[in-house]
Amino acid sequence: MNRFLTIFGFFILCAFALHGQSTVTSQNDSGTIRGRPNILWIYADDHAYQAISAYNDRFAKLAPTPNIDRLAQEGALFKNSYVSNSICAPARATILTGAHSHINGVIDNRIPISFDQPTFPAILRENGYTTAVFGKWHIKTKPEGFDDFKIHIGQGTYFNPDYRVKDGDGEKTVQLQGYSSDRTTTEALDFIKKNKDGGKPFMVMCQFKSPHGPWSPALRNLSFLRDVELPEPPTFNDGYRGRKAAAAAGMTILNTMTEDRLLKGDVTKAHYNRLTPEEEKVARNSLGYENRKLAKGDLREIALKKEKYQRYIHDYLRCVKANDENVGRILAYLEESGLAENTLVCYSSDQGFYLGEHGWYDKRFMYNESFSTPLLMRWPGHIEAGTVVKELVQNIDIAPTFLSLGKAEVPARMQGADLTPLLYGIKPTEWRSHVYYHFYESYDNTHKVAKHEGVFDGRYKLIHFYEIGEWEFFDCESDPHEMQNRISDPNSRSKIQTLKLELTNLKKQYDVKTPL
């Protein structure tokens, strides 16, 4: 029976491949292969899946994201999407290169990417695509492989941001007016409008700064959720029993998140000094009202933690709201222009984020909230509406998928898998059973998260904090919040040994020489 299914699956995949080939073999007058989709990659910064209502988490009804949800309703929602290194620059380098951090060279936020390696935008451009990137870049090196770019300088600012703009073979710096998510979307749409009739498909990376901290909402959204008490996660008061690395981390809402970050003091003056006096007055009045309890300075311990959480999550969700509004702008234009039917629209984030889980904000750990990342894709007429993908996927898969859809050769250096069959509802006869993770920043980094690597099979997770000599093992089915480290559980020894062997095998597969 299994042999029959394998043979049947093989013929299905062959039929799929032949169908795809038949739709792209003809060429137009410019020599461009027909039938390849336009690709629009919408990439947020620190957007947790918990804050997308399609994932049906605790904010789904209070702070819905109807436009992002449309990508799932009219396309595919990935339920088990993970990153290989939960931190900004490495995640972005992984998207471009389709390779783990130790291969692409960007293991942390300090190291610039080298373009002496293949990237999917450059390959698509060589194969007839018009390519561009707008918004947050955050990997230091000037973008290569793009016909156009307008990117934030460093982290960028939320209001009236400065952009590095392509200028011939060089670049210049300009300040553009507007809220960052709005402005980035406008630039992406203007590029699409300019190039939609050029005889070439386009690939545009529209990359939002939002909802990265310090969380500064668009002025129009300052009253959203005002005076609404938002729910705390069940692990809000985690005591970190049996998890040494978690107990040592410096990313708690109570002790690490400074009140200045919430009060929008000096840390964000670069944001608010870019507003007009009238706009700044609106923002300051709103901040004054919402920070009235914090500003008194008399809250302590539990009361302080709860109030800081409320202020953090309110502004975080307001920043998310602007992202959702701009996804709505994009979808509306694609429909009115007739581009929707042949445009793959994707929404994802460079990693997940803690929204109070374990008493934290930020990312870095292999625990679920930062290890997971949202991924939604829509391509009308190709991806069946309401598709739910449950297979284990990872951010190394994005580059080979886009190259496959663009009918370009995938370099052997790329370590990810082509997601296209999953989008068509076809489960490949062989798909990964485990994913590999590796965080390289040292324990002395800003948030005191120890270096670690690990393996996850969809249920069981093994993490090795090799910098501090600690192992952790979780059964994520019986313990979805990862509160019980069962590394010393005698009943788990067999599974632990199996995962240790799988970790060794994955390191060989991905050419991980040794922990760095």
Protein backbone atom coordinates (compact mmCIF):
# COMPACT_ATOMS: atom_id res chain seq x y z
CA MET A 1 0.00 0.00 0.00
CA ASN A 2 2.77 2.46 0.93
CA ARG A 3 4.59 1.62 -2.30
CA PHE A 4 1.41 2.34 -4.26
CA LEU A 5 1.01 5.72 -2.55
CA THR A 6 4.62 6.58 -3.26
CA ILE A 7 4.20 5.75 -6.95
CA PHE A 8 0.88 7.62 -7.06
CA GLY A 9 2.49 10.66 -5.42
CA PHE A 10 5.33 10.55 -7.92
CA PHE A 11 2.91 10.64 -10.87
CA ILE A 12 0.95 13.50 -9.26
CA LEU A 13 4.13 15.53 -8.89
CA CYS A 14 5.12 14.75 -12.46
CA ALA A 15 1.71 15.89 -13.66
CA PHE A 16 2.08 19.05 -11.60
CA ALA A 17 5.50 19.73 -13.10
CA LEU A 18 4.25 19.14 -16.64
CA HIS A 19 1.27 21.41 -16.05
CA GLY A 20 3.54 24.14 -14.75
CA GLN A 21 5.86 23.70 -17.74
CA SER A 22 2.99 23.91 -20.19
CA THR A 23 1.93 27.28 -18.83
CA VAL A 24 5.30 28.96 -19.26
CA THR A 25 6.92 27.66 -22.41
CA SER A 26 5.71 30.38 -24.76
CA GLN A 27 7.48 33.73 -24.84
CA ASN A 28 6.37 37.25 -25.52
CA ASP A 29 8.08 39.70 -27.87
CA SER A 30 10.65 40.69 -25.28
CA GLY A 31 11.68 37.08 -24.75
CA THR A 32 10.20 36.93 -21.27
CA ILE A 33 8.69 33.59 -20.28
CA ARG A 34 4.93 33.86 -19.88
CA GLY A 35 2.89 32.45 -17.03
CA ARG A 36 5.28 33.28 -14.21
CA PRO A 37 3.61 35.16 -11.37
CA ASN A 38 4.45 38.59 -10.15
CA ILE A 39 5.75 38.19 -6.60
CA LEU A 40 4.94 40.62 -3.80
CA TRP A 41 6.75 39.82 -0.56
CA ILE A 42 5.31 41.80 2.37
CA TYR A 43 7.67 41.43 5.31
CA ALA A 44 6.98 42.82 8.77
CA ASP A 45 9.43 43.23 11.62
CA ASP A 46 8.67 41.35 14.88
CA HIS A 47 5.07 40.61 13.87
CA ALA A 48 4.01 37.70 16.07
CA TYR A 49 1.51 35.19 14.73
CA GLN A 50 -0.48 35.83 17.94
CA ALA A 51 -1.32 39.27 16.54
CA ILE A 52 -2.79 37.99 13.26
CA SER A 53 -6.42 37.02 13.69
CA ALA A 54 -6.19 34.28 11.05
CA TYR A 55 -4.16 32.36 13.63
CA ASN A 56 -7.05 32.66 16.09
CA ASP A 57 -5.02 33.61 19.15
CA ARG A 58 -6.09 35.77 22.09
CA PHE A 59 -6.30 39.10 20.21
CA ALA A 60 -8.28 37.76 17.24
CA LYS A 61 -11.59 39.39 18.19
CA LEU A 62 -10.24 42.47 19.95
CA ALA A 63 -7.68 43.45 17.31
CA PRO A 64 -8.58 41.67 14.05
CA THR A 65 -6.40 41.90 10.96
CA PRO A 66 -9.02 41.49 8.19
CA ASN A 67 -6.77 42.36 5.25
CA ILE A 68 -3.91 40.06 6.24
CA ASP A 69 -6.54 37.40 6.99
CA ARG A 70 -7.76 37.65 3.40
CA LEU A 71 -4.50 36.09 2.26
CA ALA A 72 -5.41 33.00 4.26
CA GLN A 73 -9.10 33.05 3.37
CA GLU A 74 -8.35 33.43 -0.34
CA GLY A 75 -5.09 31.48 -0.30
CA ALA A 76 -2.93 29.52 2.13
CA LEU A 77 -2.19 29.73 5.85
CA PHE A 78 0.96 27.99 7.08
CA LYS A 79 0.40 26.58 10.55
CA ASN A 80 3.95 25.36 11.20
CA SER A 81 6.26 28.03 9.82
CA TYR A 82 9.57 28.53 11.62
CA VAL A 83 12.76 30.58 11.44
CA SER A 84 16.28 29.21 11.55
CA ASN A 85 17.69 32.03 13.74
CA SER A 86 15.28 34.35 15.54
CA ILE A 87 16.85 37.75 15.08
CA CYS A 88 16.45 40.48 12.46
CA ALA A 89 19.47 40.60 10.16
CA PRO A 90 20.08 36.83 10.06
CA ALA A 91 16.41 36.22 9.21
CA ARG A 92 16.55 38.72 6.35
CA ALA A 93 19.76 37.21 5.01
CA THR A 94 18.15 33.77 5.14
CA ILE A 95 15.18 34.98 3.08
CA LEU A 96 17.50 36.35 0.41
CA THR A 97 19.88 33.39 0.25
CA GLY A 98 17.74 30.36 1.14
CA ALA A 99 20.56 29.24 3.44
CA HIS A 100 21.12 28.94 7.19
CA SER A 101 23.08 31.65 8.97
CA HIS A 102 26.37 29.73 9.09
CA ILE A 103 26.23 29.40 5.29
CA ASN A 104 25.12 32.92 4.34
CA GLY A 105 27.52 34.42 6.89
CA VAL A 106 25.06 36.64 8.77
CA ILE A 107 24.92 34.95 12.17
CA ASP A 108 23.97 38.10 14.12
CA ASN A 109 22.97 41.74 13.65
CA ARG A 110 26.54 43.01 13.44
CA ILE A 111 27.72 41.22 10.31
CA PRO A 112 26.88 42.65 6.85
CA ILE A 113 25.72 40.32 4.14
CA SER A 114 28.07 39.50 1.28
CA PHE A 115 26.57 39.51 -2.20
CA ASP A 116 29.30 37.18 -3.43
CA GLN A 117 26.65 34.49 -2.98
CA PRO A 118 23.45 33.84 -4.93
CA THR A 119 20.27 35.60 -3.82
CA PHE A 120 16.81 35.05 -5.21
CA PRO A 121 16.22 38.71 -6.28
CA ALA A 122 19.43 38.74 -8.34
CA ILE A 123 18.62 35.40 -9.96
CA LEU A 124 15.05 36.45 -10.77
CA ARG A 125 16.40 39.67 -12.24
CA GLU A 126 18.80 37.70 -14.43
CA ASN A 127 15.81 35.64 -15.55
CA GLY A 128 13.66 38.53 -16.71
CA TYR A 129 12.04 39.90 -13.54
CA THR A 130 12.00 43.55 -12.56
CA THR A 131 13.02 43.64 -8.89
CA ALA A 132 12.82 46.16 -6.06
CA VAL A 133 12.97 46.44 -2.28
CA PHE A 134 11.33 49.15 -0.17
CA GLY A 135 11.27 49.79 3.57
CA LYS A 136 13.32 48.11 6.24
CA TRP A 137 16.56 46.47 5.11
CA HIS A 138 18.70 46.18 8.25
CA ILE A 139 21.56 44.13 6.85
CA LYS A 140 24.03 47.00 6.37
CA THR A 141 25.33 46.23 2.85
CA LYS A 142 23.86 48.20 -0.04
CA PRO A 143 21.21 46.07 -1.78
CA GLU A 144 22.34 44.23 -4.89
CA GLY A 145 20.21 42.41 -7.43
CA PHE A 146 17.49 45.09 -7.48
CA ASP A 147 16.41 47.50 -10.21
CA ASP A 148 15.30 49.93 -7.53
CA PHE A 149 15.44 50.36 -3.77
CA LYS A 150 14.36 52.80 -1.09
CA ILE A 151 15.40 51.46 2.29
CA HIS A 152 15.41 52.74 5.86
CA ILE A 153 18.70 53.81 7.37
CA GLY A 154 19.36 51.30 10.14
CA GLN A 155 16.21 50.69 12.13
CA GLY A 156 14.49 53.66 10.51
CA THR A 157 11.92 55.91 12.17
CA TYR A 158 8.17 55.61 12.26
CA PHE A 159 7.44 59.17 11.11
CA ASN A 160 8.81 60.89 7.99
CA PRO A 161 11.69 58.41 7.68
CA ASP A 162 15.00 58.87 5.89
CA TYR A 163 15.61 56.45 3.02
CA ARG A 164 18.67 55.28 1.18
CA VAL A 165 17.58 55.57 -2.45
CA LYS A 166 19.11 53.94 -5.53
CA ASP A 167 20.75 56.64 -7.64
CA GLY A 168 22.30 55.17 -10.78
CA ASP A 169 25.02 52.81 -9.62
CA GLY A 170 25.16 54.57 -6.26
CA GLU A 171 22.70 55.88 -3.74
CA LYS A 172 21.55 59.05 -2.03
CA THR A 173 19.64 59.87 1.13
CA VAL A 174 16.20 61.48 1.12
CA GLN A 175 13.53 62.11 3.71
CA LEU A 176 10.05 61.01 2.65
CA GLN A 177 6.89 62.20 4.30
CA GLY A 178 4.37 59.99 6.05
CA TYR A 179 4.07 57.12 8.48
CA SER A 180 6.65 54.45 7.71
CA SER A 181 4.26 51.60 6.77
CA ASP A 182 2.19 53.98 4.62
CA ARG A 183 5.27 55.42 2.91
CA THR A 184 6.84 52.05 2.20
CA THR A 185 3.58 50.82 0.71
CA THR A 186 3.27 53.92 -1.47
CA GLU A 187 6.79 53.39 -2.82
CA ALA A 188 6.06 49.73 -3.57
CA LEU A 189 2.78 50.55 -5.31
CA ASP A 190 4.35 53.37 -7.33
CA PHE A 191 7.02 50.96 -8.55
CA ILE A 192 4.39 48.39 -9.52
CA LYS A 193 2.32 51.01 -11.37
CA LYS A 194 5.40 52.17 -13.23
CA ASN A 195 6.48 48.67 -14.28
CA LYS A 196 3.24 46.69 -14.66
CA ASP A 197 3.08 47.21 -18.43
CA GLY A 198 6.77 46.73 -19.10
CA GLY A 199 6.48 43.21 -20.44
CA LYS A 200 8.27 41.69 -17.45
CA PRO A 201 6.96 40.13 -14.25
CA PHE A 202 7.91 42.00 -11.09
CA MET A 203 9.24 40.92 -7.71
CA VAL A 204 8.79 43.56 -5.02
CA MET A 205 9.84 43.29 -1.38
CA CYS A 206 7.62 45.62 0.69
CA GLN A 207 9.22 45.53 4.14
CA PHE A 208 7.54 47.26 7.08
CA LYS A 209 9.45 48.60 10.07
CA SER A 210 6.32 48.00 12.11
CA PRO A 211 5.70 46.58 14.69
CA HIS A 212 9.35 46.80 15.81
CA GLY A 213 9.88 48.76 19.02
CA PRO A 214 9.75 51.41 20.26
CA TRP A 215 6.13 51.06 19.22
CA SER A 216 4.89 54.33 17.75
CA PRO A 217 1.42 54.04 16.17
CA ALA A 218 0.15 56.12 13.28
CA LEU A 219 -1.69 59.13 14.65
CA ARG A 220 -4.97 57.90 13.14
CA ASN A 221 -4.73 54.75 15.30
CA LEU A 222 -3.90 56.32 18.65
CA SER A 223 -7.42 55.82 19.96
CA PHE A 224 -7.67 52.19 18.81
CA LEU A 225 -8.24 49.95 21.87
CA ARG A 226 -8.17 52.94 24.21
CA ASP A 227 -9.33 51.94 27.71
CA VAL A 228 -9.70 48.30 26.60
CA GLU A 229 -8.02 45.86 28.99
CA LEU A 230 -6.17 43.30 26.89
CA PRO A 231 -5.79 39.68 28.05
CA GLU A 232 -2.54 38.41 29.51
CA PRO A 233 -1.09 35.13 28.25
CA PRO A 234 -1.29 32.07 30.52
CA THR A 235 2.51 32.09 31.01
CA PHE A 236 2.64 35.77 31.98
CA ASN A 237 3.94 34.94 35.47
CA ASP A 238 6.30 32.13 34.46
CA GLY A 239 8.84 31.36 37.20
CA TYR A 240 11.25 29.59 34.75
CA ARG A 241 11.57 26.46 36.89
CA GLY A 242 13.96 23.96 35.34
CA ARG A 243 15.00 26.38 32.56
CA LYS A 244 18.27 28.07 33.46
CA ALA A 245 18.64 30.01 30.21
CA ALA A 246 15.11 31.40 30.43
CA ALA A 247 15.63 32.47 34.04
CA ALA A 248 18.77 34.40 33.10
CA ALA A 249 17.30 36.21 30.08
CA GLY A 250 17.16 40.01 30.13
CA MET A 251 13.93 40.58 28.22
CA THR A 252 11.26 40.80 30.90
CA ILE A 253 8.50 43.34 30.72
CA LEU A 254 8.93 44.09 34.43
CA ASN A 255 12.68 44.57 34.70
CA THR A 256 14.13 45.01 31.20
CA MET A 257 11.51 47.00 29.31
CA THR A 258 12.31 50.53 30.44
CA GLU A 259 9.45 52.81 31.26
CA ASP A 260 11.06 55.43 29.03
CA ARG A 261 10.50 53.08 26.10
CA LEU A 262 6.79 53.17 26.87
CA LEU A 263 6.57 56.83 27.89
CA LYS A 264 8.21 57.72 24.56
CA GLY A 265 10.85 59.94 26.10
CA ASP A 266 14.36 60.48 24.77
CA VAL A 267 14.47 57.06 23.15
CA THR A 268 11.89 58.15 20.59
CA LYS A 269 12.53 61.85 20.21
CA ALA A 270 13.86 61.08 16.74
CA HIS A 271 10.31 59.92 15.92
CA TYR A 272 8.27 62.72 17.39
CA ASN A 273 10.55 65.60 16.42
CA ARG A 274 9.66 64.72 12.82
CA LEU A 275 6.03 65.68 13.35
CA THR A 276 4.53 69.10 12.88
CA PRO A 277 3.79 70.96 16.12
CA GLU A 278 0.09 70.17 15.69
CA GLU A 279 0.76 66.46 15.09
CA GLU A 280 3.16 66.25 18.01
CA LYS A 281 0.54 67.80 20.26
CA VAL A 282 -1.96 65.11 19.25
CA ALA A 283 0.60 62.38 19.95
CA ARG A 284 1.74 63.84 23.26
CA ASN A 285 -1.83 64.32 24.48
CA SER A 286 -2.59 60.70 23.72
CA LEU A 287 0.60 59.52 25.40
CA GLY A 288 -0.12 61.68 28.43
CA TYR A 289 -3.55 60.12 28.86
CA GLU A 290 -2.43 56.53 28.37
CA ASN A 291 0.72 56.85 30.48
CA ARG A 292 -1.00 58.58 33.37
CA LYS A 293 -0.56 55.56 35.67
CA LEU A 294 3.06 54.91 34.73
CA ALA A 295 4.00 58.57 34.94
CA LYS A 296 3.12 58.74 38.64
CA GLY A 297 6.01 56.40 39.38
CA ASP A 298 4.28 54.72 42.30
CA LEU A 299 3.51 51.31 40.76
CA ARG A 300 5.50 48.34 42.03
CA GLU A 301 6.06 44.69 41.07
CA ILE A 302 2.83 42.99 39.92
CA ALA A 303 0.93 46.25 39.40
CA LEU A 304 3.84 47.76 37.46
CA LYS A 305 4.28 44.66 35.31
CA LYS A 306 0.59 44.59 34.44
CA GLU A 307 0.48 48.26 33.52
CA LYS A 308 3.64 48.08 31.42
CA TYR A 309 2.18 45.07 29.60
CA GLN A 310 -1.01 46.94 28.81
CA ARG A 311 0.87 49.95 27.47
CA TYR A 312 3.21 47.75 25.41
CA ILE A 313 0.50 45.60 23.85
CA HIS A 314 -1.82 48.51 23.07
CA ASP A 315 0.85 50.31 21.05
CA TYR A 316 2.11 47.07 19.48
CA LEU A 317 -1.36 46.19 18.18
CA ARG A 318 -1.86 49.75 16.93
CA CYS A 319 1.33 49.39 14.89
CA VAL A 320 0.03 46.08 13.54
CA LYS A 321 -3.20 47.82 12.54
CA ALA A 322 -1.26 50.10 10.17
CA ASN A 323 0.35 47.07 8.55
CA ASP A 324 -3.07 45.53 8.02
CA GLU A 325 -4.45 48.75 6.56
CA ASN A 326 -1.61 48.86 4.07
CA VAL A 327 -2.09 45.24 3.05
CA GLY A 328 -5.66 46.36 2.28
CA ARG A 329 -4.30 49.15 0.06
CA ILE A 330 -2.12 46.67 -1.81
CA LEU A 331 -4.91 44.14 -2.38
CA ALA A 332 -7.30 46.87 -3.53
CA TYR A 333 -4.81 48.14 -6.12
CA LEU A 334 -4.01 44.66 -7.42
CA GLU A 335 -7.71 44.03 -7.97
CA GLU A 336 -8.53 47.36 -9.62
CA SER A 337 -5.49 47.10 -11.90
CA GLY A 338 -6.21 43.53 -12.98
CA LEU A 339 -2.94 42.28 -11.50
CA ALA A 340 -4.44 40.16 -8.73
CA GLU A 341 -4.92 37.01 -10.78
CA ASN A 342 -1.24 36.70 -11.61
CA THR A 343 0.35 38.06 -8.45
CA LEU A 344 1.51 35.92 -5.56
CA VAL A 345 1.10 37.99 -2.41
CA CYS A 346 2.93 36.78 0.70
CA TYR A 347 2.91 38.12 4.25
CA SER A 348 5.48 37.10 6.83
CA SER A 349 7.78 38.44 9.54
CA ASP A 350 11.50 38.18 10.18
CA GLN A 351 10.64 36.17 13.29
CA GLY A 352 8.00 35.83 15.97
CA PHE A 353 7.84 37.91 19.13
CA TYR A 354 6.84 37.57 22.77
CA LEU A 355 3.65 39.42 23.58
CA GLY A 356 3.92 38.86 27.31
CA GLU A 357 4.42 35.10 27.10
CA HIS A 358 6.84 34.01 29.86
CA GLY A 359 6.68 37.64 31.04
CA TRP A 360 8.74 38.68 28.02
CA TYR A 361 8.98 40.86 24.97
CA ASP A 362 11.60 40.41 22.18
CA LYS A 363 12.63 37.14 20.46
CA ARG A 364 15.90 35.06 20.13
CA PHE A 365 14.84 31.85 21.89
CA MET A 366 13.81 28.62 20.19
CA TYR A 367 10.65 28.63 22.30
CA ASN A 368 7.52 28.69 20.18
CA GLU A 369 6.53 32.36 20.19
CA SER A 370 9.82 33.55 18.64
CA PHE A 371 10.69 30.35 16.76
CA SER A 372 7.36 30.49 14.91
CA THR A 373 6.69 33.11 12.27
CA PRO A 374 3.50 33.90 10.35
CA LEU A 375 3.32 32.92 6.70
CA LEU A 376 0.33 33.52 4.44
CA MET A 377 0.22 33.35 0.63
CA ARG A 378 -2.45 34.19 -1.96
CA TRP A 379 -2.40 33.53 -5.70
CA PRO A 380 -5.96 33.49 -7.10
CA GLY A 381 -6.70 30.63 -9.46
CA HIS A 382 -3.59 28.74 -8.35
CA ILE A 383 -3.76 28.42 -4.56
CA GLU A 384 -7.16 27.11 -3.47
CA ALA A 385 -8.95 29.44 -1.07
CA GLY A 386 -8.75 28.30 2.53
CA THR A 387 -5.70 26.06 2.05
CA VAL A 388 -4.08 25.14 5.37
CA VAL A 389 -0.50 23.89 5.22
CA LYS A 390 0.50 21.81 8.24
CA GLU A 391 3.89 20.57 7.05
CA LEU A 392 7.03 21.89 8.74
CA VAL A 393 8.32 24.83 6.71
CA GLN A 394 11.14 27.26 7.40
CA ASN A 395 12.38 30.62 6.16
CA ILE A 396 15.13 28.88 4.17
CA ASP A 397 12.29 27.74 1.87
CA ILE A 398 11.27 31.17 0.58
CA ALA A 399 14.11 31.74 -1.89
CA PRO A 400 13.88 28.35 -3.65
CA THR A 401 10.10 28.69 -3.82
CA PHE A 402 10.27 32.07 -5.54
CA LEU A 403 12.92 30.80 -7.96
CA SER A 404 10.82 27.74 -8.76
CA LEU A 405 7.77 29.91 -9.46
CA GLY A 406 9.94 32.19 -11.59
CA LYS A 407 11.21 29.19 -13.59
CA ALA A 408 14.78 29.91 -12.56
CA GLU A 409 17.35 27.36 -11.51
CA VAL A 410 17.78 26.95 -7.75
CA PRO A 411 21.49 27.00 -6.78
CA ALA A 412 22.76 23.97 -4.89
CA ARG A 413 23.94 26.37 -2.15
CA MET A 414 20.33 27.04 -1.18
CA GLN A 415 19.28 24.69 1.60
CA GLY A 416 15.51 25.19 1.62
CA ALA A 417 12.73 23.27 -0.10
CA ASP A 418 10.30 24.42 -2.79
CA LEU A 419 6.91 25.09 -1.18
CA THR A 420 5.04 25.11 -4.51
CA PRO A 421 3.58 21.58 -4.21
CA LEU A 422 2.21 22.45 -0.76
CA LEU A 423 0.53 25.53 -2.22
CA TYR A 424 -1.22 23.27 -4.71
CA GLY A 425 -2.35 20.88 -1.99
CA ILE A 426 0.14 18.21 -3.03
CA LYS A 427 2.07 16.57 -0.23
CA PRO A 428 5.48 15.52 -1.55
CA THR A 429 6.39 11.89 -0.98
CA GLU A 430 9.41 13.10 0.96
CA TRP A 431 9.18 16.17 3.15
CA ARG A 432 11.26 17.22 6.11
CA SER A 433 10.36 15.60 9.40
CA HIS A 434 12.49 17.95 11.53
CA VAL A 435 13.69 21.57 11.48
CA TYR A 436 17.03 22.88 12.71
CA TYR A 437 17.55 26.09 14.69
CA HIS A 438 20.68 27.97 15.78
CA PHE A 439 21.04 31.25 17.70
CA TYR A 440 24.60 32.60 17.69
CA GLU A 441 24.69 35.74 19.83
CA SER A 442 26.56 35.32 23.08
CA TYR A 443 25.06 35.39 26.56
CA ASP A 444 26.60 38.84 27.04
CA ASN A 445 24.31 40.30 24.34
CA THR A 446 21.71 42.92 25.17
CA HIS A 447 19.05 40.43 26.24
CA LYS A 448 21.34 37.81 27.81
CA VAL A 449 20.15 34.88 25.74
CA ALA A 450 22.72 32.10 25.61
CA LYS A 451 23.85 30.57 22.32
CA HIS A 452 21.81 27.51 21.48
CA GLU A 453 20.81 25.10 18.77
CA GLY A 454 18.01 22.62 18.56
CA VAL A 455 15.72 20.31 16.63
CA PHE A 456 11.93 20.12 16.42
CA ASP A 457 9.77 17.41 14.86
CA GLY A 458 6.39 19.09 15.17
CA ARG A 459 5.76 17.70 18.63
CA TYR A 460 9.01 17.17 20.50
CA LYS A 461 11.67 19.84 20.85
CA LEU A 462 15.27 19.44 21.99
CA ILE A 463 17.36 22.53 22.72
CA HIS A 464 21.07 22.61 23.57
CA PHE A 465 22.23 25.80 25.30
CA TYR A 466 25.84 24.85 24.65
CA GLU A 467 27.24 28.15 25.90
CA ILE A 468 26.04 27.36 29.43
CA GLY A 469 26.04 23.55 29.18
CA GLU A 470 22.28 23.04 29.48
CA TRP A 471 19.80 20.82 27.62
CA GLU A 472 16.02 21.18 27.45
CA PHE A 473 13.39 18.79 26.14
CA PHE A 474 9.68 19.51 25.66
CA ASP A 475 6.61 17.57 24.60
CA CYS A 476 4.77 20.42 22.89
CA GLU A 477 1.58 18.41 22.59
CA SER A 478 1.06 17.91 26.32
CA ASP A 479 3.00 21.07 27.23
CA PRO A 480 2.28 23.63 24.45
CA HIS A 481 3.60 26.55 26.52
CA GLU A 482 6.97 24.83 27.09
CA MET A 483 6.95 25.12 30.86
CA GLN A 484 8.17 21.62 31.76
CA ASN A 485 11.75 20.75 30.87
CA ARG A 486 11.74 16.94 30.76
CA ILE A 487 15.41 16.46 30.00
CA SER A 488 15.81 14.37 33.21
CA ASP A 489 12.57 12.43 32.78
CA PRO A 490 13.46 8.71 32.57
CA ASN A 491 10.38 8.09 30.42
CA SER A 492 11.74 10.53 27.83
CA ARG A 493 15.23 9.07 27.45
CA SER A 494 14.50 7.19 24.25
CA LYS A 495 12.96 10.20 22.52
CA ILE A 496 15.76 12.46 23.71
CA GLN A 497 18.37 10.13 22.26
CA THR A 498 16.44 9.98 18.99
CA LEU A 499 16.39 13.77 18.77
CA LYS A 500 20.07 14.04 19.65
CA LEU A 501 20.81 11.70 16.76
CA GLU A 502 18.55 13.75 14.48
CA LEU A 503 20.33 16.92 15.58
CA THR A 504 23.64 15.35 14.57
CA ASN A 505 22.20 14.30 11.22
CA LEU A 506 20.76 17.75 10.50
CA LYS A 507 24.10 19.38 11.28
CA LYS A 508 25.73 17.08 8.76
CA GLN A 509 22.99 17.78 6.21
CA TYR A 510 23.33 21.55 6.60
CA ASP A 511 27.12 21.46 6.94
CA VAL A 512 27.26 22.88 10.46
CA LYS A 513 30.89 22.36 11.36
CA THR A 514 30.79 23.15 15.07
CA PRO A 515 28.95 25.52 17.43
CA LEU A 516 30.23 29.09 16.98
